[in-house]
């Protein structure tokens, strides 16, 4: 059985390809805007990804939480930094964030294990 991380990556890529295969100009522009927003600018990409992770926790979007957690690890953000952002999301979002925090922690563990290999 594949890991949650592997499933997420595969499913996201497959479904994004499907969406973009029939996308309108509006959808393509939105996808482009989303990608460009997280690039280095006045704020570095790593700061933007941490902000995205915190906002995703508050909004309780597991796919977004997973995506931003993956990007944070890819950008070299430390476990301690990510855990502090988990705290920010929890404080802002309240106890309803806890189930999402559990899944985020599990995913982070998987990402860190992958890095260690």
N, C-alpha and C. Protein backbone atom coordinates (compact mmCIF):
# COMPACT_ATOMS: atom_id res chain seq x y z
N UNK A 1 0.84 -1.18 0.00
CA UNK A 1 0.00 0.00 0.00
C UNK A 1 0.89 1.25 0.00
N UNK A 2 0.53 2.22 -0.79
CA UNK A 2 1.34 3.43 -0.86
C UNK A 2 1.05 4.35 0.32
N UNK A 3 1.96 5.22 0.57
CA UNK A 3 1.84 6.14 1.70
C UNK A 3 0.84 7.25 1.41
N UNK A 4 0.41 7.91 2.45
CA UNK A 4 -0.49 9.06 2.30
C UNK A 4 0.18 10.12 1.43
N UNK A 5 1.46 10.33 1.64
CA UNK A 5 2.21 11.32 0.89
C UNK A 5 2.24 10.96 -0.60
N UNK A 6 2.54 9.71 -0.89
CA UNK A 6 2.58 9.25 -2.28
C UNK A 6 1.21 9.38 -2.94
N UNK A 7 0.17 8.99 -2.21
CA UNK A 7 -1.20 9.10 -2.74
C UNK A 7 -1.54 10.56 -3.03
N UNK A 8 -1.20 11.44 -2.11
CA UNK A 8 -1.50 12.86 -2.30
C UNK A 8 -0.80 13.39 -3.55
N UNK A 9 0.49 13.12 -3.66
CA UNK A 9 1.25 13.63 -4.80
C UNK A 9 0.69 13.11 -6.12
N UNK A 10 0.41 11.82 -6.18
CA UNK A 10 -0.09 11.19 -7.41
C UNK A 10 -1.46 11.74 -7.78
N UNK A 11 -2.35 11.77 -6.82
CA UNK A 11 -3.71 12.23 -7.06
C UNK A 11 -3.74 13.70 -7.46
N UNK A 12 -2.96 14.52 -6.78
CA UNK A 12 -2.92 15.95 -7.10
C UNK A 12 -2.43 16.17 -8.53
N UNK A 13 -1.36 15.50 -8.89
CA UNK A 13 -0.82 15.65 -10.24
C UNK A 13 -1.82 15.17 -11.29
N UNK A 14 -2.42 14.02 -11.06
CA UNK A 14 -3.39 13.46 -12.01
C UNK A 14 -4.59 14.39 -12.19
N UNK A 15 -5.13 14.88 -11.10
CA UNK A 15 -6.32 15.72 -11.19
C UNK A 15 -6.00 17.11 -11.73
N UNK A 16 -4.84 17.66 -11.40
CA UNK A 16 -4.45 18.94 -11.99
C UNK A 16 -4.31 18.82 -13.50
N UNK A 17 -3.70 17.72 -13.96
CA UNK A 17 -3.57 17.50 -15.41
C UNK A 17 -4.95 17.43 -16.06
N UNK A 18 -5.88 16.75 -15.40
CA UNK A 18 -7.24 16.62 -15.94
C UNK A 18 -7.93 17.98 -16.01
N UNK A 19 -7.83 18.76 -14.95
CA UNK A 19 -8.43 20.09 -14.94
C UNK A 19 -7.84 20.95 -16.05
N UNK A 20 -6.53 20.97 -16.15
CA UNK A 20 -5.87 21.84 -17.13
C UNK A 20 -6.09 21.38 -18.57
N UNK A 21 -6.41 20.11 -18.77
CA UNK A 21 -6.68 19.61 -20.12
C UNK A 21 -7.91 20.27 -20.73
N UNK A 22 -8.84 20.68 -19.91
CA UNK A 22 -10.08 21.30 -20.40
C UNK A 22 -10.32 22.67 -19.79
N UNK A 23 -9.28 23.26 -19.23
CA UNK A 23 -9.43 24.50 -18.48
C UNK A 23 -9.79 25.69 -19.36
N UNK A 24 -10.57 26.56 -18.78
CA UNK A 24 -10.86 27.84 -19.41
C UNK A 24 -9.69 28.79 -19.13
N UNK A 25 -9.70 29.91 -19.78
CA UNK A 25 -8.68 30.93 -19.54
C UNK A 25 -8.71 31.36 -18.07
N UNK A 26 -9.89 31.47 -17.52
CA UNK A 26 -10.02 31.88 -16.11
C UNK A 26 -9.32 30.88 -15.19
N UNK A 27 -9.56 29.60 -15.41
CA UNK A 27 -8.94 28.57 -14.58
C UNK A 27 -7.42 28.59 -14.74
N UNK A 28 -6.95 28.69 -15.97
CA UNK A 28 -5.50 28.75 -16.21
C UNK A 28 -4.88 29.97 -15.53
N UNK A 29 -5.55 31.09 -15.61
CA UNK A 29 -5.03 32.31 -14.96
C UNK A 29 -4.98 32.14 -13.45
N UNK A 30 -6.01 31.53 -12.89
CA UNK A 30 -6.02 31.32 -11.44
C UNK A 30 -4.89 30.41 -11.01
N UNK A 31 -4.71 29.30 -11.70
CA UNK A 31 -3.60 28.38 -11.39
C UNK A 31 -2.26 29.11 -11.48
N UNK A 32 -2.09 29.92 -12.51
CA UNK A 32 -0.86 30.68 -12.69
C UNK A 32 -0.68 31.69 -11.55
N UNK A 33 -1.74 32.39 -11.21
CA UNK A 33 -1.69 33.37 -10.12
C UNK A 33 -1.30 32.68 -8.81
N UNK A 34 -1.90 31.53 -8.56
CA UNK A 34 -1.60 30.77 -7.33
C UNK A 34 -0.13 30.39 -7.28
N UNK A 35 0.40 29.88 -8.38
CA UNK A 35 1.82 29.49 -8.43
C UNK A 35 2.74 30.68 -8.24
N UNK A 36 2.44 31.76 -8.92
CA UNK A 36 3.31 32.94 -8.86
C UNK A 36 3.28 33.64 -7.50
N UNK A 37 2.18 33.54 -6.81
CA UNK A 37 2.04 34.21 -5.51
C UNK A 37 3.09 33.74 -4.50
N UNK A 38 3.49 32.47 -4.60
CA UNK A 38 4.39 31.89 -3.61
C UNK A 38 5.86 31.98 -3.99
N UNK A 39 6.18 32.69 -5.05
CA UNK A 39 7.58 32.88 -5.44
C UNK A 39 8.20 34.00 -4.61
N UNK A 40 9.56 34.02 -4.60
CA UNK A 40 10.26 35.10 -3.92
C UNK A 40 9.81 36.45 -4.44
N UNK A 41 9.62 37.38 -3.56
CA UNK A 41 9.27 38.75 -3.89
C UNK A 41 9.76 39.62 -2.74
N UNK A 42 8.96 40.58 -2.32
CA UNK A 42 9.32 41.36 -1.14
C UNK A 42 9.48 40.43 0.07
N UNK A 43 8.68 39.36 0.07
CA UNK A 43 8.83 38.30 1.07
C UNK A 43 9.43 37.08 0.39
N UNK A 44 10.31 36.37 1.07
CA UNK A 44 10.86 35.15 0.48
C UNK A 44 9.78 34.06 0.38
N UNK A 45 9.97 33.15 -0.56
CA UNK A 45 9.03 32.06 -0.79
C UNK A 45 8.76 31.28 0.50
N UNK A 46 9.78 31.06 1.29
CA UNK A 46 9.59 30.28 2.52
C UNK A 46 8.62 30.96 3.49
N UNK A 47 8.68 32.29 3.58
CA UNK A 47 7.74 33.02 4.44
C UNK A 47 6.32 32.88 3.91
N UNK A 48 6.18 32.97 2.59
CA UNK A 48 4.86 32.85 1.97
C UNK A 48 4.28 31.45 2.16
N UNK A 49 5.12 30.43 2.07
CA UNK A 49 4.64 29.06 2.28
C UNK A 49 4.20 28.85 3.73
N UNK A 50 4.94 29.42 4.67
CA UNK A 50 4.53 29.32 6.08
C UNK A 50 3.20 30.03 6.30
N UNK A 51 3.01 31.18 5.67
CA UNK A 51 1.74 31.90 5.78
C UNK A 51 0.62 31.06 5.16
N UNK A 52 0.91 30.46 4.01
CA UNK A 52 -0.08 29.60 3.36
C UNK A 52 -0.45 28.41 4.22
N UNK A 53 0.53 27.83 4.90
CA UNK A 53 0.27 26.70 5.78
C UNK A 53 -0.62 27.12 6.95
N UNK A 54 -0.31 28.23 7.56
CA UNK A 54 -1.11 28.72 8.68
C UNK A 54 -2.55 28.99 8.25
N UNK A 55 -2.70 29.68 7.12
CA UNK A 55 -4.04 29.99 6.61
C UNK A 55 -4.81 28.71 6.28
N UNK A 56 -4.12 27.74 5.71
CA UNK A 56 -4.76 26.47 5.34
C UNK A 56 -5.25 25.71 6.57
N UNK A 57 -4.48 25.77 7.65
CA UNK A 57 -4.93 25.15 8.90
C UNK A 57 -6.20 25.82 9.40
N UNK A 58 -6.21 27.14 9.39
CA UNK A 58 -7.38 27.88 9.86
C UNK A 58 -8.60 27.57 8.99
N UNK A 59 -8.38 27.46 7.68
CA UNK A 59 -9.48 27.17 6.75
C UNK A 59 -9.84 25.69 6.73
N UNK A 60 -9.02 24.86 7.36
CA UNK A 60 -9.26 23.42 7.49
C UNK A 60 -9.33 22.71 6.14
N UNK A 61 -8.37 23.05 5.29
CA UNK A 61 -8.29 22.42 3.97
C UNK A 61 -7.13 21.42 3.98
N UNK A 62 -7.43 20.14 4.13
CA UNK A 62 -6.38 19.12 4.22
C UNK A 62 -5.47 19.09 3.00
N UNK A 63 -6.03 19.24 1.80
CA UNK A 63 -5.18 19.26 0.61
C UNK A 63 -4.21 20.44 0.64
N UNK A 64 -4.70 21.60 1.04
CA UNK A 64 -3.84 22.79 1.11
C UNK A 64 -2.79 22.63 2.21
N UNK A 65 -3.20 22.10 3.34
CA UNK A 65 -2.26 21.84 4.43
C UNK A 65 -1.15 20.91 3.96
N UNK A 66 -1.54 19.85 3.27
CA UNK A 66 -0.54 18.89 2.76
C UNK A 66 0.39 19.58 1.77
N UNK A 67 -0.17 20.31 0.83
CA UNK A 67 0.65 20.97 -0.19
C UNK A 67 1.66 21.92 0.46
N UNK A 68 1.20 22.77 1.36
CA UNK A 68 2.10 23.75 1.97
C UNK A 68 3.11 23.09 2.91
N UNK A 69 2.72 22.02 3.57
CA UNK A 69 3.68 21.29 4.41
C UNK A 69 4.78 20.70 3.54
N UNK A 70 4.40 20.10 2.42
CA UNK A 70 5.38 19.55 1.48
C UNK A 70 6.31 20.65 0.98
N UNK A 71 5.74 21.77 0.56
CA UNK A 71 6.56 22.88 0.05
C UNK A 71 7.49 23.43 1.12
N UNK A 72 7.01 23.52 2.35
CA UNK A 72 7.87 24.01 3.44
C UNK A 72 9.08 23.11 3.61
N UNK A 73 8.86 21.81 3.60
CA UNK A 73 9.98 20.87 3.73
C UNK A 73 10.90 20.98 2.53
N UNK A 74 10.34 21.09 1.33
CA UNK A 74 11.16 21.24 0.13
C UNK A 74 12.02 22.50 0.18
N UNK A 75 11.52 23.54 0.82
CA UNK A 75 12.26 24.80 0.91
C UNK A 75 13.24 24.83 2.08
N UNK A 76 13.34 23.72 2.80
CA UNK A 76 14.31 23.63 3.88
C UNK A 76 13.86 24.23 5.20
N UNK A 77 12.58 24.48 5.33
CA UNK A 77 12.04 24.99 6.59
C UNK A 77 12.12 23.85 7.61
N UNK A 78 12.59 24.16 8.78
CA UNK A 78 12.85 23.13 9.78
C UNK A 78 11.56 22.62 10.43
N UNK A 79 11.69 21.45 11.02
CA UNK A 79 10.56 20.87 11.76
C UNK A 79 10.10 21.83 12.85
N UNK A 80 11.03 22.42 13.57
CA UNK A 80 10.67 23.34 14.65
C UNK A 80 9.89 24.55 14.12
N UNK A 81 10.31 25.08 12.97
CA UNK A 81 9.60 26.22 12.37
C UNK A 81 8.19 25.83 11.95
N UNK A 82 8.05 24.66 11.36
CA UNK A 82 6.73 24.19 10.92
C UNK A 82 5.82 23.96 12.12
N UNK A 83 6.37 23.40 13.18
CA UNK A 83 5.57 23.16 14.38
C UNK A 83 5.08 24.48 14.98
N UNK A 84 5.91 25.51 14.93
CA UNK A 84 5.44 26.81 15.42
C UNK A 84 4.31 27.36 14.56
N UNK A 85 4.37 27.12 13.26
CA UNK A 85 3.28 27.54 12.38
C UNK A 85 2.03 26.72 12.67
N UNK A 86 2.20 25.43 12.97
CA UNK A 86 1.05 24.63 13.40
C UNK A 86 0.40 25.31 14.61
N UNK A 87 1.22 25.80 15.54
CA UNK A 87 0.68 26.48 16.72
C UNK A 87 -0.10 27.75 16.35
N UNK A 88 0.43 28.52 15.40
CA UNK A 88 -0.26 29.74 14.96
C UNK A 88 -1.63 29.37 14.38
N UNK A 89 -1.65 28.36 13.50
CA UNK A 89 -2.93 27.93 12.93
C UNK A 89 -3.90 27.46 13.99
N UNK A 90 -3.40 26.74 14.99
CA UNK A 90 -4.24 26.24 16.06
C UNK A 90 -4.81 27.39 16.90
N UNK A 91 -3.97 28.35 17.24
CA UNK A 91 -4.43 29.48 18.05
C UNK A 91 -5.47 30.32 17.30
N UNK A 92 -5.19 30.58 16.04
CA UNK A 92 -6.12 31.41 15.25
C UNK A 92 -7.41 30.64 14.96
N UNK A 93 -7.28 29.36 14.61
CA UNK A 93 -8.45 28.58 14.21
C UNK A 93 -9.21 27.93 15.34
N UNK A 94 -8.55 27.70 16.46
CA UNK A 94 -9.22 27.08 17.59
C UNK A 94 -9.19 25.56 17.53
N UNK A 95 -9.89 24.96 18.46
CA UNK A 95 -9.82 23.50 18.63
C UNK A 95 -10.34 22.73 17.42
N UNK A 96 -11.14 23.35 16.58
CA UNK A 96 -11.65 22.66 15.39
C UNK A 96 -10.51 22.31 14.43
N UNK A 97 -9.35 22.95 14.61
CA UNK A 97 -8.18 22.68 13.77
C UNK A 97 -7.48 21.38 14.18
N UNK A 98 -7.72 20.89 15.38
CA UNK A 98 -6.97 19.75 15.91
C UNK A 98 -6.99 18.52 14.98
N UNK A 99 -8.13 18.09 14.42
CA UNK A 99 -8.07 16.93 13.52
C UNK A 99 -7.16 17.16 12.32
N UNK A 100 -7.13 18.37 11.81
CA UNK A 100 -6.27 18.71 10.67
C UNK A 100 -4.82 18.76 11.09
N UNK A 101 -4.59 19.21 12.31
CA UNK A 101 -3.25 19.25 12.88
C UNK A 101 -2.69 17.83 13.03
N UNK A 102 -3.54 16.90 13.42
CA UNK A 102 -3.11 15.50 13.55
C UNK A 102 -2.62 14.97 12.21
N UNK A 103 -3.40 15.22 11.15
CA UNK A 103 -3.01 14.72 9.83
C UNK A 103 -1.77 15.45 9.32
N UNK A 104 -1.66 16.73 9.63
CA UNK A 104 -0.47 17.49 9.22
C UNK A 104 0.77 16.96 9.91
N UNK A 105 0.66 16.63 11.18
CA UNK A 105 1.80 16.09 11.92
C UNK A 105 2.23 14.75 11.34
N UNK A 106 1.24 13.92 11.02
CA UNK A 106 1.54 12.61 10.43
C UNK A 106 2.25 12.78 9.09
N UNK A 107 1.77 13.70 8.28
CA UNK A 107 2.40 13.96 6.98
C UNK A 107 3.81 14.50 7.17
N UNK A 108 3.99 15.42 8.11
CA UNK A 108 5.33 15.95 8.37
C UNK A 108 6.28 14.83 8.79
N UNK A 109 5.82 13.92 9.62
CA UNK A 109 6.66 12.77 10.01
C UNK A 109 7.08 11.98 8.78
N UNK A 110 6.14 11.77 7.87
CA UNK A 110 6.44 11.01 6.66
C UNK A 110 7.44 11.76 5.78
N UNK A 111 7.27 13.06 5.66
CA UNK A 111 8.21 13.87 4.87
C UNK A 111 9.61 13.85 5.46
N UNK A 112 9.69 13.96 6.78
CA UNK A 112 10.99 13.96 7.44
C UNK A 112 11.66 12.60 7.32
N UNK A 113 10.89 11.53 7.37
CA UNK A 113 11.44 10.18 7.18
C UNK A 113 11.96 10.03 5.75
N UNK A 114 11.23 10.57 4.80
CA UNK A 114 11.66 10.53 3.40
C UNK A 114 12.99 11.28 3.21
N UNK A 115 13.11 12.40 3.88
CA UNK A 115 14.37 13.18 3.80
C UNK A 115 15.54 12.42 4.40
N UNK A 116 15.25 11.69 5.47
CA UNK A 116 16.31 10.97 6.18
C UNK A 116 16.84 9.78 5.38
N UNK A 117 16.08 9.30 4.40
CA UNK A 117 16.48 8.13 3.61
C UNK A 117 17.59 8.45 2.64
